[in-house]
């Protein structure tokens, strides 16, 4: 199976609105937690290994398996958990708006009976990692490659937000992405063996920052 759909789906040009979200990074910059390349790398490392990125990867993997099996009930359960895990209104909007936009775009450009059948019961909010996982599973794309592409795209979007917020430049941002490559590969290799019970995070300051961002005086991003 060609991996070309993954390159398209997780490209910055794919119409999911990812550019509008920073997942609390805007607040972290305003608070002085992220001020340069080193602090950005540390912030992303925590989100990747101890925060939402790891949890999203696990949710994606279970959505992928449910789609491959055609198990609508399991998929609905994973999605309900994913939506419930959002720690704030902004972060719930972030995942659900992107999830629904992603499914709409994929169904319009890459339709298929397997995808239509598994998506049909999801009439309400759909979390972004669940949407990516179910689409990849329905189209027969391998889980390992999907995980690596999704995790990398998540990190790249956060780095893009940091560049626009200006604590770093483009070259430094590229170094930060490259520096996370080994961690992304290791996490993508570990996730397939993890259960939904393994979901959890310890990025409390970032989660609380999402509440503070809601009333931040100046904002470029929706989260």
Protein backbone atom coordinates (compact mmCIF):
# COMPACT_ATOMS: atom_id res chain seq x y z
CA UNK A 1 0.00 0.00 0.00
CA UNK A 2 1.37 3.43 -0.96
CA UNK A 3 2.01 5.84 1.90
CA UNK A 4 1.20 8.86 -0.25
CA UNK A 5 -2.15 9.50 1.48
CA UNK A 6 -0.29 9.97 4.79
CA UNK A 7 1.95 12.63 3.27
CA UNK A 8 -1.12 14.48 2.04
CA UNK A 9 -3.26 14.03 5.15
CA UNK A 10 -0.55 15.19 7.57
CA UNK A 11 0.78 18.00 5.41
CA UNK A 12 0.41 21.59 6.69
CA UNK A 13 -1.64 22.20 3.54
CA UNK A 14 -4.33 19.68 4.50
CA UNK A 15 -7.46 21.64 5.50
CA UNK A 16 -7.81 20.79 9.18
CA UNK A 17 -6.93 24.22 10.59
CA UNK A 18 -3.89 23.00 12.55
CA UNK A 19 -2.18 26.37 12.02
CA UNK A 20 -4.75 27.99 14.34
CA UNK A 21 -3.71 25.99 17.43
CA UNK A 22 -0.60 25.96 19.62
CA UNK A 23 -1.69 23.50 22.35
CA UNK A 24 -0.75 25.91 25.18
CA UNK A 25 2.58 26.88 23.61
CA UNK A 26 1.40 30.48 23.20
CA UNK A 27 0.75 30.69 26.92
CA UNK A 28 4.12 29.03 27.68
CA UNK A 29 5.89 31.72 25.62
CA UNK A 30 3.93 34.52 27.33
CA UNK A 31 4.68 33.02 30.75
CA UNK A 32 8.40 32.79 30.02
CA UNK A 33 8.55 29.00 30.07
CA UNK A 34 9.66 28.88 26.42
CA UNK A 35 12.18 31.55 25.48
CA UNK A 36 14.70 29.89 23.17
CA UNK A 37 15.62 26.72 21.31
CA UNK A 38 16.66 24.80 24.43
CA UNK A 39 13.51 25.54 26.41
CA UNK A 40 11.31 24.75 23.39
CA UNK A 41 13.04 21.40 22.96
CA UNK A 42 12.44 20.59 26.63
CA UNK A 43 8.79 21.66 26.42
CA UNK A 44 8.19 19.44 23.39
CA UNK A 45 10.07 16.51 24.91
CA UNK A 46 7.69 16.58 27.89
CA UNK A 47 4.58 16.77 25.69
CA UNK A 48 5.91 13.93 23.54
CA UNK A 49 6.84 11.44 26.25
CA UNK A 50 4.69 12.51 29.22
CA UNK A 51 1.85 14.50 27.72
CA UNK A 52 -0.88 14.59 25.13
CA UNK A 53 1.24 13.46 22.18
CA UNK A 54 1.82 10.02 23.71
CA UNK A 55 -1.86 9.70 24.67
CA UNK A 56 -2.97 10.73 21.20
CA UNK A 57 -0.71 8.08 19.70
CA UNK A 58 -2.32 5.37 21.83
CA UNK A 59 -5.80 6.56 20.89
CA UNK A 60 -4.82 6.57 17.21
CA UNK A 61 -3.57 2.99 17.44
CA UNK A 62 -6.80 1.73 18.97
CA UNK A 63 -8.91 3.63 16.44
CA UNK A 64 -6.82 2.10 13.66
CA UNK A 65 -7.40 -1.43 14.99
CA UNK A 66 -11.13 -0.82 15.37
CA UNK A 67 -11.36 0.42 11.78
CA UNK A 68 -9.42 -2.57 10.44
CA UNK A 69 -11.77 -4.89 12.32
CA UNK A 70 -14.87 -2.93 11.31
CA UNK A 71 -15.75 -2.63 15.00
CA UNK A 72 -17.94 0.46 15.25
CA UNK A 73 -18.64 -0.05 18.95
CA UNK A 74 -14.94 -0.16 19.84
CA UNK A 75 -14.30 2.91 17.71
CA UNK A 76 -17.10 4.84 19.42
CA UNK A 77 -15.65 3.89 22.81
CA UNK A 78 -12.17 5.08 21.87
CA UNK A 79 -13.55 8.33 20.50
CA UNK A 80 -15.64 9.02 23.59
CA UNK A 81 -12.55 8.53 25.75
CA UNK A 82 -10.45 10.78 23.50
CA UNK A 83 -12.96 13.63 23.66
CA UNK A 84 -13.36 13.26 27.43
CA UNK A 85 -9.60 13.43 27.98
CA UNK A 86 -9.35 17.02 26.71
CA UNK A 87 -8.41 18.99 29.85
CA UNK A 88 -9.97 22.32 28.80
CA UNK A 89 -12.57 23.82 26.46
CA UNK A 90 -9.86 25.16 24.16
CA UNK A 91 -8.11 21.82 23.85
CA UNK A 92 -11.40 20.03 23.28
CA UNK A 93 -12.12 22.47 20.45
CA UNK A 94 -8.60 21.88 19.10
CA UNK A 95 -8.96 18.12 18.81
CA UNK A 96 -12.63 18.00 17.80
CA UNK A 97 -12.53 20.74 15.18
CA UNK A 98 -9.48 19.18 13.54
CA UNK A 99 -10.96 15.69 13.79
CA UNK A 100 -14.20 16.60 12.03
CA UNK A 101 -12.40 18.71 9.41
CA UNK A 102 -9.98 15.86 8.75
CA UNK A 103 -12.75 13.32 8.22
CA UNK A 104 -14.70 15.66 5.96
CA UNK A 105 -11.63 16.27 3.79
CA UNK A 106 -10.61 12.61 3.61
CA UNK A 107 -14.12 11.46 2.73
CA UNK A 108 -14.35 14.10 0.02
CA UNK A 109 -11.00 13.27 -1.61
CA UNK A 110 -10.31 9.64 -0.59
CA UNK A 111 -13.79 8.05 -0.34
CA UNK A 112 -14.34 4.37 0.13
CA UNK A 113 -16.98 1.96 1.44
CA UNK A 114 -14.84 0.82 4.38
CA UNK A 115 -14.30 4.40 5.51
CA UNK A 116 -17.95 5.36 5.05
CA UNK A 117 -19.09 2.32 7.00
CA UNK A 118 -16.85 2.89 10.00
CA UNK A 119 -17.43 6.66 10.12
CA UNK A 120 -21.23 6.53 9.85
CA UNK A 121 -21.92 6.07 13.61
CA UNK A 122 -19.65 9.01 14.55
CA UNK A 123 -22.20 11.78 14.14
CA UNK A 124 -20.96 14.09 16.91
CA UNK A 125 -17.52 15.24 17.99
CA UNK A 126 -14.55 13.27 16.70
CA UNK A 127 -11.09 13.61 18.25
CA UNK A 128 -8.29 14.27 15.79
CA UNK A 129 -6.09 11.22 16.58
CA UNK A 130 -9.15 8.98 16.32
CA UNK A 131 -10.01 10.47 12.94
CA UNK A 132 -6.49 9.88 11.62
CA UNK A 133 -6.35 6.35 12.98
CA UNK A 134 -9.71 5.27 11.61
CA UNK A 135 -9.01 6.78 8.17
CA UNK A 136 -5.64 5.06 7.95
CA UNK A 137 -7.09 1.75 9.10
CA UNK A 138 -10.02 1.95 6.69
CA UNK A 139 -7.62 2.61 3.80
CA UNK A 140 -5.26 -0.20 4.78
CA UNK A 141 -2.34 2.03 5.73
CA UNK A 142 0.10 0.39 8.19
CA UNK A 143 -0.13 1.41 11.83
CA UNK A 144 3.61 1.90 12.32
CA UNK A 145 4.00 4.37 9.47
CA UNK A 146 0.80 6.16 10.47
CA UNK A 147 2.04 6.62 14.03
CA UNK A 148 5.42 7.95 12.96
CA UNK A 149 3.86 10.38 10.49
CA UNK A 150 1.25 11.58 13.00
CA UNK A 151 3.72 12.10 15.84
CA UNK A 152 6.14 13.94 13.58
CA UNK A 153 3.38 16.15 12.17
CA UNK A 154 2.24 17.03 15.70
CA UNK A 155 5.74 18.10 16.71
CA UNK A 156 6.21 20.03 13.48
CA UNK A 157 2.97 21.94 14.01
CA UNK A 158 4.06 22.96 17.51
CA UNK A 159 7.44 24.09 16.21
CA UNK A 160 5.70 26.08 13.48
CA UNK A 161 3.68 27.82 16.18
CA UNK A 162 6.87 28.59 18.10
CA UNK A 163 8.44 30.15 15.01
CA UNK A 164 5.40 32.38 14.54
CA UNK A 165 5.50 33.34 18.22
CA UNK A 166 9.14 34.35 17.64
CA UNK A 167 11.20 32.85 20.49
CA UNK A 168 13.10 30.92 17.79
CA UNK A 169 13.81 31.17 14.08
CA UNK A 170 13.26 28.66 11.30
CA UNK A 171 16.73 27.11 11.47
CA UNK A 172 16.46 26.57 15.22
CA UNK A 173 12.99 25.12 14.71
CA UNK A 174 14.35 22.65 12.19
CA UNK A 175 17.02 21.58 14.68
CA UNK A 176 14.35 21.05 17.34
CA UNK A 177 12.34 18.81 15.02
CA UNK A 178 15.45 16.82 14.08
CA UNK A 179 16.34 16.48 17.75
CA UNK A 180 13.02 14.81 18.49
CA UNK A 181 13.30 12.26 15.67
CA UNK A 182 14.76 9.47 17.81
CA UNK A 183 12.11 9.98 20.51
CA UNK A 184 9.35 9.93 17.90
CA UNK A 185 10.64 6.66 16.45
CA UNK A 186 10.94 5.06 19.88
CA UNK A 187 7.45 6.16 20.92
CA UNK A 188 5.92 4.95 17.65
CA UNK A 189 7.56 1.57 18.24
CA UNK A 190 6.27 1.32 21.83
CA UNK A 191 2.67 2.42 21.29
CA UNK A 192 1.27 -0.65 19.47
CA UNK A 193 1.80 -2.75 22.61
CA UNK A 194 0.02 -0.26 24.90
CA UNK A 195 -3.59 -0.48 26.04
CA UNK A 196 -6.09 2.27 26.75
CA UNK A 197 -5.22 1.80 30.42
CA UNK A 198 -1.71 3.04 29.62
CA UNK A 199 -3.03 6.47 28.69
CA UNK A 200 -1.97 9.17 31.11
CA UNK A 201 -0.03 12.40 31.30
CA UNK A 202 2.00 14.42 33.77
CA UNK A 203 2.18 17.81 32.06
CA UNK A 204 0.14 19.65 34.65
CA UNK A 205 1.60 23.11 34.00
CA UNK A 206 0.82 22.88 30.31
CA UNK A 207 -2.72 21.67 31.03
CA UNK A 208 -3.31 24.52 33.47
CA UNK A 209 -1.81 26.87 30.92
CA UNK A 210 -4.63 25.99 28.54
CA UNK A 211 -7.10 27.47 31.06
CA UNK A 212 -5.00 30.61 31.45
CA UNK A 213 -4.75 30.98 27.69
CA UNK A 214 -8.54 31.37 27.48
CA UNK A 215 -8.25 34.80 29.12
CA UNK A 216 -4.82 35.79 27.84
CA UNK A 217 -4.80 39.44 26.79
CA UNK A 218 -3.31 38.98 23.31
CA UNK A 219 -3.59 35.76 21.34
CA UNK A 220 -2.58 34.54 17.92
CA UNK A 221 -3.88 31.01 18.45
CA UNK A 222 -7.12 29.38 19.54
CA UNK A 223 -5.35 27.23 22.14
